[in-house]
Amino acid sequence: MIRGVIFDFDGLILDTETPVFRSWQELYARFGQRLTLEDWAEVVGCSAREHYDPLERLQQRLGQPLDVERWRAWRYEREMALLAEQDLLPGVTERLEEARRLGLRLAVASSSPRPWVEGHLQRLGLWDYFQVVHTAEDVERTKPAPLLFQKALRSLALQPPEAIVFEDSPNGVTAAKAAGIFCVAVPNAVTQNLPLDHADLRITSLAEITLRQLIRER
């Protein structure tokens, strides 16, 4: 019996990944460089600082140091401007309301920093839906390691077969499967062409299937 649902945050609830990627692309372009989705794939769904520093990579390509503080600030301001244009992704509110009606326990498991995730959840009016929010600060290793999902299971008092995970990235799917949890891939504009075949199910958006249908057909 399914008793809980665990959601990723970035790229699943809110498309934060497109603004991040576009802002880095624009920064690279200012120096005559291209940042491709293939370059970016290794950072999607995990902690960027652990695995990938785009500004350091840019300096390596150019063969010269840059004003790091200046360009990090420029990139962040551009990301925030692009993010302000984003709405909740399709089906998010409907699935959260349905989960509440069904009495399911809900968690967020995100590789992003806690202030980022909590701030957005509160700003978007979603905070009260979740019993648990676990972020990068709560584990030694973020996705693709399974630790975030394992911690969410413990916090919700669930066993792996009692949960469903919604993820948008290969790293997230890998983490969910390593934790032994049924995983539904819901790719966004950045992740739709990345390998997600290791998910148990792939859908185009959270609006495509109800939780009742998913639980019945799982």
Protein backbone atom coordinates (compact mmCIF):
# COMPACT_ATOMS: atom_id res chain seq x y z
CA MET A 1 0.00 0.00 0.00
CA ILE A 2 1.31 3.45 -0.93
CA ARG A 3 1.34 5.71 2.11
CA GLY A 4 3.59 8.57 1.00
CA VAL A 5 4.95 10.58 -1.90
CA ILE A 6 8.38 12.22 -2.11
CA PHE A 7 8.90 15.14 -4.47
CA ASP A 8 12.07 16.61 -5.86
CA PHE A 9 11.92 20.41 -5.96
CA ASP A 10 14.03 22.03 -8.68
CA GLY A 11 12.62 21.26 -12.11
CA LEU A 12 9.68 19.29 -10.75
CA ILE A 13 7.65 21.71 -8.64
CA LEU A 14 9.14 24.89 -10.06
CA ASP A 15 11.25 25.09 -13.19
CA THR A 16 14.29 26.59 -11.54
CA GLU A 17 16.61 24.57 -13.76
CA THR A 18 15.87 26.46 -16.97
CA PRO A 19 16.69 29.88 -15.42
CA VAL A 20 19.88 28.50 -13.89
CA PHE A 21 20.99 26.91 -17.16
CA ARG A 22 20.04 29.93 -19.29
CA SER A 23 21.85 32.35 -16.99
CA TRP A 24 25.05 30.30 -17.22
CA GLN A 25 24.62 29.99 -20.99
CA GLU A 26 24.32 33.77 -21.25
CA LEU A 27 27.42 34.25 -19.12
CA TYR A 28 29.42 31.85 -21.29
CA ALA A 29 28.18 33.64 -24.41
CA ARG A 30 29.54 36.94 -23.11
CA PHE A 31 32.99 35.36 -23.40
CA GLY A 32 32.35 33.72 -26.76
CA GLN A 33 31.81 30.25 -25.29
CA ARG A 34 28.95 27.72 -25.57
CA LEU A 35 27.48 25.80 -22.65
CA THR A 36 25.53 22.81 -23.94
CA LEU A 37 22.97 20.54 -22.30
CA GLU A 38 25.54 17.78 -22.51
CA ASP A 39 27.96 19.94 -20.48
CA TRP A 40 25.23 20.69 -17.98
CA ALA A 41 23.85 17.14 -17.60
CA GLU A 42 26.22 16.14 -14.82
CA VAL A 43 25.04 18.93 -12.51
CA VAL A 44 21.27 18.56 -12.95
CA GLY A 45 19.64 17.12 -9.85
CA CYS A 46 22.71 17.20 -7.62
CA SER A 47 24.63 19.73 -5.58
CA ALA A 48 26.51 21.91 -8.06
CA ARG A 49 29.26 22.76 -5.61
CA GLU A 50 29.99 19.07 -5.03
CA HIS A 51 30.23 18.12 -8.68
CA TYR A 52 30.59 21.05 -11.05
CA ASP A 53 31.67 24.69 -10.96
CA PRO A 54 30.64 26.32 -14.26
CA LEU A 55 32.66 29.46 -13.60
CA GLU A 56 35.81 27.47 -12.93
CA ARG A 57 35.20 25.52 -16.14
CA LEU A 58 34.77 28.80 -18.02
CA GLN A 59 38.10 30.09 -16.71
CA GLN A 60 39.75 26.84 -17.77
CA ARG A 61 38.36 27.23 -21.29
CA LEU A 62 39.54 30.83 -21.52
CA GLY A 63 42.92 30.07 -19.99
CA GLN A 64 42.71 33.14 -17.80
CA PRO A 65 41.24 34.18 -14.44
CA LEU A 66 38.02 36.17 -14.23
CA ASP A 67 36.60 38.53 -11.63
CA VAL A 68 34.78 35.70 -9.84
CA GLU A 69 32.73 37.84 -7.45
CA ARG A 70 31.57 40.16 -10.22
CA TRP A 71 30.47 37.41 -12.60
CA ARG A 72 28.87 35.23 -9.94
CA ALA A 73 26.79 38.23 -8.90
CA TRP A 74 25.88 39.01 -12.52
CA ARG A 75 24.87 35.41 -13.17
CA TYR A 76 22.78 35.19 -9.99
CA GLU A 77 20.91 38.41 -10.73
CA ARG A 78 20.12 37.12 -14.21
CA GLU A 79 18.89 33.81 -12.79
CA MET A 80 16.60 35.62 -10.36
CA ALA A 81 15.14 37.73 -13.16
CA LEU A 82 14.41 34.64 -15.25
CA LEU A 83 13.05 32.76 -12.23
CA ALA A 84 10.57 35.53 -11.46
CA GLU A 85 8.87 34.69 -14.77
CA GLN A 86 8.24 31.05 -13.79
CA ASP A 87 4.93 29.61 -12.59
CA LEU A 88 4.37 26.28 -10.84
CA LEU A 89 4.79 23.43 -13.26
CA PRO A 90 1.58 21.78 -14.57
CA GLY A 91 -0.23 19.48 -12.18
CA VAL A 92 1.71 20.36 -9.03
CA THR A 93 -1.17 21.87 -7.09
CA GLU A 94 -3.59 19.18 -8.27
CA ARG A 95 -1.33 16.33 -7.11
CA LEU A 96 -0.66 17.96 -3.75
CA GLU A 97 -4.37 18.52 -3.15
CA GLU A 98 -5.12 14.95 -4.20
CA ALA A 99 -2.43 13.60 -1.86
CA ARG A 100 -3.95 15.57 1.00
CA ARG A 101 -7.42 14.15 0.26
CA LEU A 102 -5.99 10.62 0.15
CA GLY A 103 -4.22 11.11 3.46
CA LEU A 104 -0.76 10.49 2.01
CA ARG A 105 2.37 11.68 3.78
CA LEU A 106 4.40 14.15 1.73
CA ALA A 107 8.08 15.08 1.65
CA VAL A 108 10.48 17.12 -0.43
CA ALA A 109 13.96 15.67 -0.99
CA SER A 110 16.19 18.18 -2.75
CA SER A 111 19.92 18.51 -3.37
CA SER A 112 19.59 22.29 -3.17
CA PRO A 113 20.32 24.38 -0.03
CA ARG A 114 17.61 24.65 2.60
CA PRO A 115 17.04 28.44 2.36
CA TRP A 116 16.46 28.10 -1.40
CA VAL A 117 13.91 25.27 -1.12
CA GLU A 118 12.09 26.52 1.96
CA GLY A 119 11.99 30.09 0.67
CA HIS A 120 10.37 29.08 -2.60
CA LEU A 121 7.91 26.66 -0.96
CA GLN A 122 6.75 29.39 1.40
CA ARG A 123 6.61 32.02 -1.36
CA LEU A 124 4.53 29.71 -3.53
CA GLY A 125 2.13 28.80 -0.70
CA LEU A 126 3.16 25.12 -0.72
CA TRP A 127 4.97 24.79 2.60
CA ASP A 128 2.01 23.42 4.59
CA TYR A 129 1.49 20.50 2.22
CA PHE A 130 4.71 18.78 3.35
CA GLN A 131 5.38 16.98 6.61
CA VAL A 132 9.10 16.79 5.82
CA VAL A 133 11.58 18.84 3.78
CA HIS A 134 15.11 17.47 3.46
CA THR A 135 17.85 19.35 1.64
CA ALA A 136 21.59 19.25 0.96
CA GLU A 137 22.46 20.21 4.55
CA ASP A 138 20.81 17.05 5.90
CA VAL A 139 23.10 14.48 4.25
CA GLU A 140 26.77 13.87 3.58
CA ARG A 141 26.18 13.21 -0.13
CA THR A 142 23.37 14.47 -2.31
CA LYS A 143 21.89 12.82 -5.40
CA PRO A 144 22.76 10.55 -7.15
CA ALA A 145 23.46 9.04 -3.71
CA PRO A 146 20.24 7.68 -2.14
CA LEU A 147 20.74 9.36 1.25
CA LEU A 148 18.14 12.13 0.82
CA PHE A 149 15.42 9.65 -0.08
CA GLN A 150 16.41 7.26 2.68
CA LYS A 151 16.24 10.11 5.18
CA ALA A 152 12.82 11.17 3.87
CA LEU A 153 11.54 7.60 4.27
CA ARG A 154 12.71 7.49 7.89
CA SER A 155 11.18 10.87 8.64
CA LEU A 156 7.84 9.77 7.18
CA ALA A 157 8.06 6.38 8.94
CA LEU A 158 7.77 4.56 5.61
CA GLN A 159 9.40 1.55 4.01
CA PRO A 160 10.57 1.86 0.35
CA PRO A 161 7.59 -0.11 -1.09
CA GLU A 162 5.20 2.31 0.62
CA ALA A 163 6.39 5.39 -1.27
CA ILE A 164 6.47 6.93 -4.73
CA VAL A 165 9.10 9.43 -5.87
CA PHE A 166 8.60 12.11 -8.53
CA GLU A 167 11.86 13.22 -10.14
CA ASP A 168 12.91 15.18 -13.21
CA SER A 169 16.61 14.33 -13.59
CA PRO A 170 18.79 11.25 -14.19
CA ASN A 171 20.67 11.88 -10.95
CA GLY A 172 17.41 12.04 -9.03
CA VAL A 173 16.04 8.87 -10.61
CA THR A 174 19.30 7.06 -9.84
CA ALA A 175 19.05 8.14 -6.20
CA ALA A 176 15.42 7.05 -5.87
CA LYS A 177 16.05 3.66 -7.42
CA ALA A 178 19.11 3.13 -5.20
CA ALA A 179 16.82 3.77 -2.23
CA GLY A 180 14.47 1.05 -3.53
CA ILE A 181 11.57 3.40 -4.28
CA PHE A 182 9.20 3.36 -7.28
CA CYS A 183 10.19 6.42 -9.31
CA VAL A 184 8.22 8.43 -11.83
CA ALA A 185 10.27 10.64 -14.15
CA VAL A 186 8.69 13.99 -15.04
CA PRO A 187 11.24 15.75 -17.25
CA ASN A 188 11.27 19.47 -17.91
CA ALA A 189 12.69 21.53 -20.77
CA VAL A 190 16.26 21.02 -19.56
CA THR A 191 16.03 17.30 -18.73
CA GLN A 192 13.66 16.01 -21.42
CA ASN A 193 16.51 14.83 -23.65
CA LEU A 194 18.61 13.32 -20.85
CA PRO A 195 18.57 9.56 -20.15
CA LEU A 196 15.64 8.68 -17.89
CA ASP A 197 15.04 5.09 -18.95
CA HIS A 198 15.94 3.81 -15.48
CA ALA A 199 12.75 5.33 -14.04
CA ASP A 200 9.81 2.98 -13.48
CA LEU A 201 7.49 5.31 -15.39
CA ARG A 202 7.89 8.46 -17.46
CA ILE A 203 5.17 11.08 -17.87
CA THR A 204 5.17 14.50 -19.52
CA SER A 205 3.83 16.41 -16.51
CA LEU A 206 2.20 15.88 -13.12
CA ALA A 207 -1.08 16.74 -14.82
CA GLU A 208 -0.89 13.60 -16.95
CA ILE A 209 -1.83 11.05 -14.28
CA THR A 210 -3.64 11.15 -10.95
CA LEU A 211 -2.23 9.59 -7.83
CA ARG A 212 -5.19 7.23 -7.73
CA GLN A 213 -4.38 6.02 -11.23
CA LEU A 214 -0.70 5.72 -10.43
CA ILE A 215 -1.31 3.72 -7.26
CA ARG A 216 -3.79 1.45 -9.02
CA GLU A 217 -1.59 0.83 -12.08
CA ARG A 218 1.77 0.69 -10.32
